[in-house]
């Protein structure tokens, strides 16, 4: 007996979905799809400039992870964050996420996104969905207790000269601080980590 797979596209934004239907559906290419509070959330697919900034930040975090595996031992550009505290199925997919204690020594087929909680998530914002990155995600990631910081690399004005917006968990709220292009960013979450906010910097 064959099962009919849903075919979904940008016009289906907001459609109620089960996790099974979301995971088995066929999607119109050229867009990013997530399930948020039990509904399909559609946003623009990243352009080339987005990938440049994403790769820049991934490389910096990956180098840090290799040097400090006791702080973060895995960095991913294709993660799924299951927000179990939400009433309905909610699985945002950040551009980058970093984890403290992924059990990499286990059979990798036994490790599932639903069982992992990142300590850091990050999004790159250039031509994408500003509401998603600057408003929606604030509530979502705050509901994920493992997330200590949420970063947005904001390149909307000049992609080559982005600003880093840091959201740091403090009690029952985020503390927000912006680091402009050319400044140096550090955080207590990652001791010894230093990031010059310039994707073209040599170091």
Protein backbone atom coordinates (compact mmCIF):
# COMPACT_ATOMS: atom_id res chain seq x y z
CA UNK A 1 0.00 0.00 0.00
CA UNK A 2 1.54 3.30 -1.11
CA UNK A 3 1.42 6.47 0.94
CA UNK A 4 0.75 9.79 -0.79
CA UNK A 5 3.45 12.31 0.07
CA UNK A 6 2.52 15.93 0.57
CA UNK A 7 3.93 18.39 -1.96
CA UNK A 8 4.61 21.72 -0.28
CA UNK A 9 5.86 25.12 -1.41
CA UNK A 10 5.97 28.76 -0.32
CA UNK A 11 2.20 29.17 -0.69
CA UNK A 12 1.78 26.59 2.09
CA UNK A 13 3.41 28.86 4.68
CA UNK A 14 1.42 28.53 7.91
CA UNK A 15 -0.19 25.21 7.04
CA UNK A 16 -0.70 22.91 10.07
CA UNK A 17 1.50 19.82 9.87
CA UNK A 18 2.45 16.81 11.92
CA UNK A 19 6.14 16.06 12.33
CA UNK A 20 5.71 12.89 10.23
CA UNK A 21 4.10 14.83 7.37
CA UNK A 22 6.76 17.53 7.59
CA UNK A 23 9.60 15.00 7.42
CA UNK A 24 8.10 12.95 4.58
CA UNK A 25 6.84 15.78 2.34
CA UNK A 26 8.30 16.83 -0.99
CA UNK A 27 9.28 20.50 -1.12
CA UNK A 28 9.47 23.01 -3.94
CA UNK A 29 13.16 23.95 -4.21
CA UNK A 30 14.54 27.42 -3.64
CA UNK A 31 13.13 27.97 -0.14
CA UNK A 32 13.91 26.97 3.44
CA UNK A 33 11.28 25.02 5.35
CA UNK A 34 10.84 24.54 9.11
CA UNK A 35 8.05 23.37 11.38
CA UNK A 36 7.26 25.93 14.08
CA UNK A 37 4.44 25.49 16.61
CA UNK A 38 2.98 22.75 14.44
CA UNK A 39 2.88 24.87 11.28
CA UNK A 40 5.04 25.12 8.17
CA UNK A 41 7.35 28.13 8.17
CA UNK A 42 8.79 29.12 4.78
CA UNK A 43 11.66 31.59 4.36
CA UNK A 44 14.01 32.53 1.50
CA UNK A 45 16.84 30.15 0.65
CA UNK A 46 20.30 31.60 1.38
CA UNK A 47 22.08 33.47 -1.39
CA UNK A 48 25.84 33.27 -2.07
CA UNK A 49 26.65 36.14 0.29
CA UNK A 50 24.91 34.31 3.14
CA UNK A 51 27.08 31.25 2.60
CA UNK A 52 30.28 33.33 2.68
CA UNK A 53 29.44 34.71 6.13
CA UNK A 54 28.19 31.34 7.33
CA UNK A 55 31.41 29.60 6.24
CA UNK A 56 33.51 32.35 7.83
CA UNK A 57 31.83 31.90 11.20
CA UNK A 58 31.75 28.10 10.93
CA UNK A 59 35.51 28.02 10.31
CA UNK A 60 36.19 30.21 13.34
CA UNK A 61 34.00 28.07 15.60
CA UNK A 62 35.39 24.83 14.18
CA UNK A 63 38.97 25.93 14.89
CA UNK A 64 37.95 26.86 18.42
CA UNK A 65 36.22 23.52 18.89
CA UNK A 66 39.33 21.60 17.85
CA UNK A 67 41.41 23.56 20.35
CA UNK A 68 38.78 23.50 23.15
CA UNK A 69 36.73 20.29 22.84
CA UNK A 70 35.92 20.55 26.54
CA UNK A 71 33.91 23.73 25.78
CA UNK A 72 32.29 22.81 22.46
CA UNK A 73 32.94 19.48 20.79
CA UNK A 74 30.76 19.77 17.68
CA UNK A 75 29.79 22.58 15.29
CA UNK A 76 27.09 22.04 12.69
CA UNK A 77 25.74 24.00 9.73
CA UNK A 78 22.79 21.65 9.22
CA UNK A 79 21.27 21.07 12.63
CA UNK A 80 17.69 20.76 13.83
CA UNK A 81 16.83 22.10 17.29
CA UNK A 82 13.84 20.36 18.87
CA UNK A 83 12.17 22.80 21.28
CA UNK A 84 10.49 20.30 23.59
CA UNK A 85 9.12 23.03 25.85
CA UNK A 86 6.75 24.26 23.15
CA UNK A 87 3.19 22.88 23.18
CA UNK A 88 3.27 21.94 19.48
CA UNK A 89 6.09 20.52 17.38
CA UNK A 90 8.79 23.16 16.92
CA UNK A 91 12.05 22.43 15.14
CA UNK A 92 13.96 25.50 13.92
CA UNK A 93 17.01 24.88 11.77
CA UNK A 94 19.69 27.50 12.54
CA UNK A 95 22.49 28.32 10.13
CA UNK A 96 25.02 27.26 12.76
CA UNK A 97 24.91 25.53 16.11
CA UNK A 98 27.57 24.49 18.61
CA UNK A 99 27.32 21.69 21.17
CA UNK A 100 29.11 20.95 24.40
CA UNK A 101 28.70 17.23 24.90
CA UNK A 102 27.73 15.35 21.72
CA UNK A 103 28.60 11.67 22.41
CA UNK A 104 30.73 11.27 19.30
CA UNK A 105 32.23 8.04 20.59
CA UNK A 106 28.87 6.28 20.13
CA UNK A 107 27.51 4.70 16.96
CA UNK A 108 26.62 7.82 14.96
CA UNK A 109 23.33 6.24 13.85
CA UNK A 110 22.24 6.27 17.48
CA UNK A 111 22.66 10.06 17.81
CA UNK A 112 19.54 12.06 16.96
CA UNK A 113 18.86 15.80 16.81
CA UNK A 114 15.86 15.46 19.10
CA UNK A 115 18.17 14.33 21.91
CA UNK A 116 20.72 17.12 21.54
CA UNK A 117 20.69 20.69 22.85
CA UNK A 118 23.10 23.31 21.49
CA UNK A 119 24.74 25.85 23.77
CA UNK A 120 25.04 28.33 20.91
CA UNK A 121 22.97 28.99 17.78
CA UNK A 122 23.62 31.54 15.05
CA UNK A 123 21.87 32.94 11.99
CA UNK A 124 23.18 34.93 9.03
CA UNK A 125 20.87 37.72 7.92
CA UNK A 126 21.36 39.49 4.60
CA UNK A 127 18.39 39.21 2.23
CA UNK A 128 16.48 36.71 4.37
CA UNK A 129 13.61 36.88 6.82
CA UNK A 130 14.43 39.58 9.37
CA UNK A 131 11.33 38.78 11.41
CA UNK A 132 12.46 35.15 11.77
CA UNK A 133 15.99 35.99 12.87
CA UNK A 134 15.37 39.08 14.99
CA UNK A 135 11.97 38.38 16.54
CA UNK A 136 10.62 34.85 16.14
CA UNK A 137 13.83 33.10 17.13
CA UNK A 138 14.24 35.07 20.34
CA UNK A 139 11.30 33.29 21.93
CA UNK A 140 12.07 29.92 20.38
CA UNK A 141 15.68 29.71 21.49
CA UNK A 142 14.91 31.10 24.93
CA UNK A 143 12.53 28.16 25.36
CA UNK A 144 15.48 25.82 24.70
CA UNK A 145 17.24 25.87 28.06
CA UNK A 146 20.52 24.55 26.66
CA UNK A 147 20.98 27.65 24.46
CA UNK A 148 23.12 30.15 26.36
CA UNK A 149 23.72 32.53 23.46
CA UNK A 150 22.07 33.35 20.14
CA UNK A 151 24.06 35.29 17.53
CA UNK A 152 22.85 37.07 14.41
CA UNK A 153 25.42 38.04 11.77
CA UNK A 154 23.64 41.05 10.28
CA UNK A 155 24.93 41.95 6.82
CA UNK A 156 21.81 43.64 5.49
CA UNK A 157 23.49 46.97 4.78
CA UNK A 158 26.87 45.76 3.47
CA UNK A 159 27.42 41.97 3.52
CA UNK A 160 31.20 42.44 3.60
CA UNK A 161 30.87 44.61 6.72
CA UNK A 162 28.47 42.78 9.03
CA UNK A 163 27.48 43.46 12.62
CA UNK A 164 27.32 40.68 15.20
CA UNK A 165 24.26 40.87 17.44
CA UNK A 166 24.80 38.82 20.60
CA UNK A 167 21.85 37.63 22.67
CA UNK A 168 23.12 36.31 26.00
CA UNK A 169 20.81 34.50 28.40
CA UNK A 170 20.53 36.35 31.69
CA UNK A 171 17.86 35.14 34.11
CA UNK A 172 14.50 35.39 32.34
CA UNK A 173 15.63 37.55 29.46
CA UNK A 174 18.19 38.06 26.74
CA UNK A 175 20.87 40.70 27.18
CA UNK A 176 21.57 42.14 23.74
CA UNK A 177 24.81 43.72 22.58
CA UNK A 178 25.94 44.70 19.08
CA UNK A 179 29.51 44.42 17.80
CA UNK A 180 30.04 46.55 14.68
CA UNK A 181 32.24 45.72 11.72
CA UNK A 182 35.92 45.82 12.60
CA UNK A 183 35.44 45.33 16.33
CA UNK A 184 36.64 42.29 18.28
CA UNK A 185 34.07 40.02 19.86
CA UNK A 186 34.70 37.83 22.91
CA UNK A 187 32.32 35.94 25.16
CA UNK A 188 32.51 34.18 28.52
CA UNK A 189 30.64 31.27 26.93
CA UNK A 190 33.76 30.44 24.89
CA UNK A 191 36.87 31.21 26.98
CA UNK A 192 39.76 32.22 24.75
CA UNK A 193 37.56 32.77 21.68
CA UNK A 194 38.21 36.02 19.82
CA UNK A 195 36.48 37.05 16.60
CA UNK A 196 37.38 40.11 14.54
CA UNK A 197 34.09 41.12 12.89
CA UNK A 198 35.49 41.16 9.39
CA UNK A 199 34.97 38.14 7.09
CA UNK A 200 37.91 39.26 4.95
CA UNK A 201 40.39 39.61 7.81
CA UNK A 202 43.49 37.47 7.48
CA UNK A 203 43.23 36.17 11.02
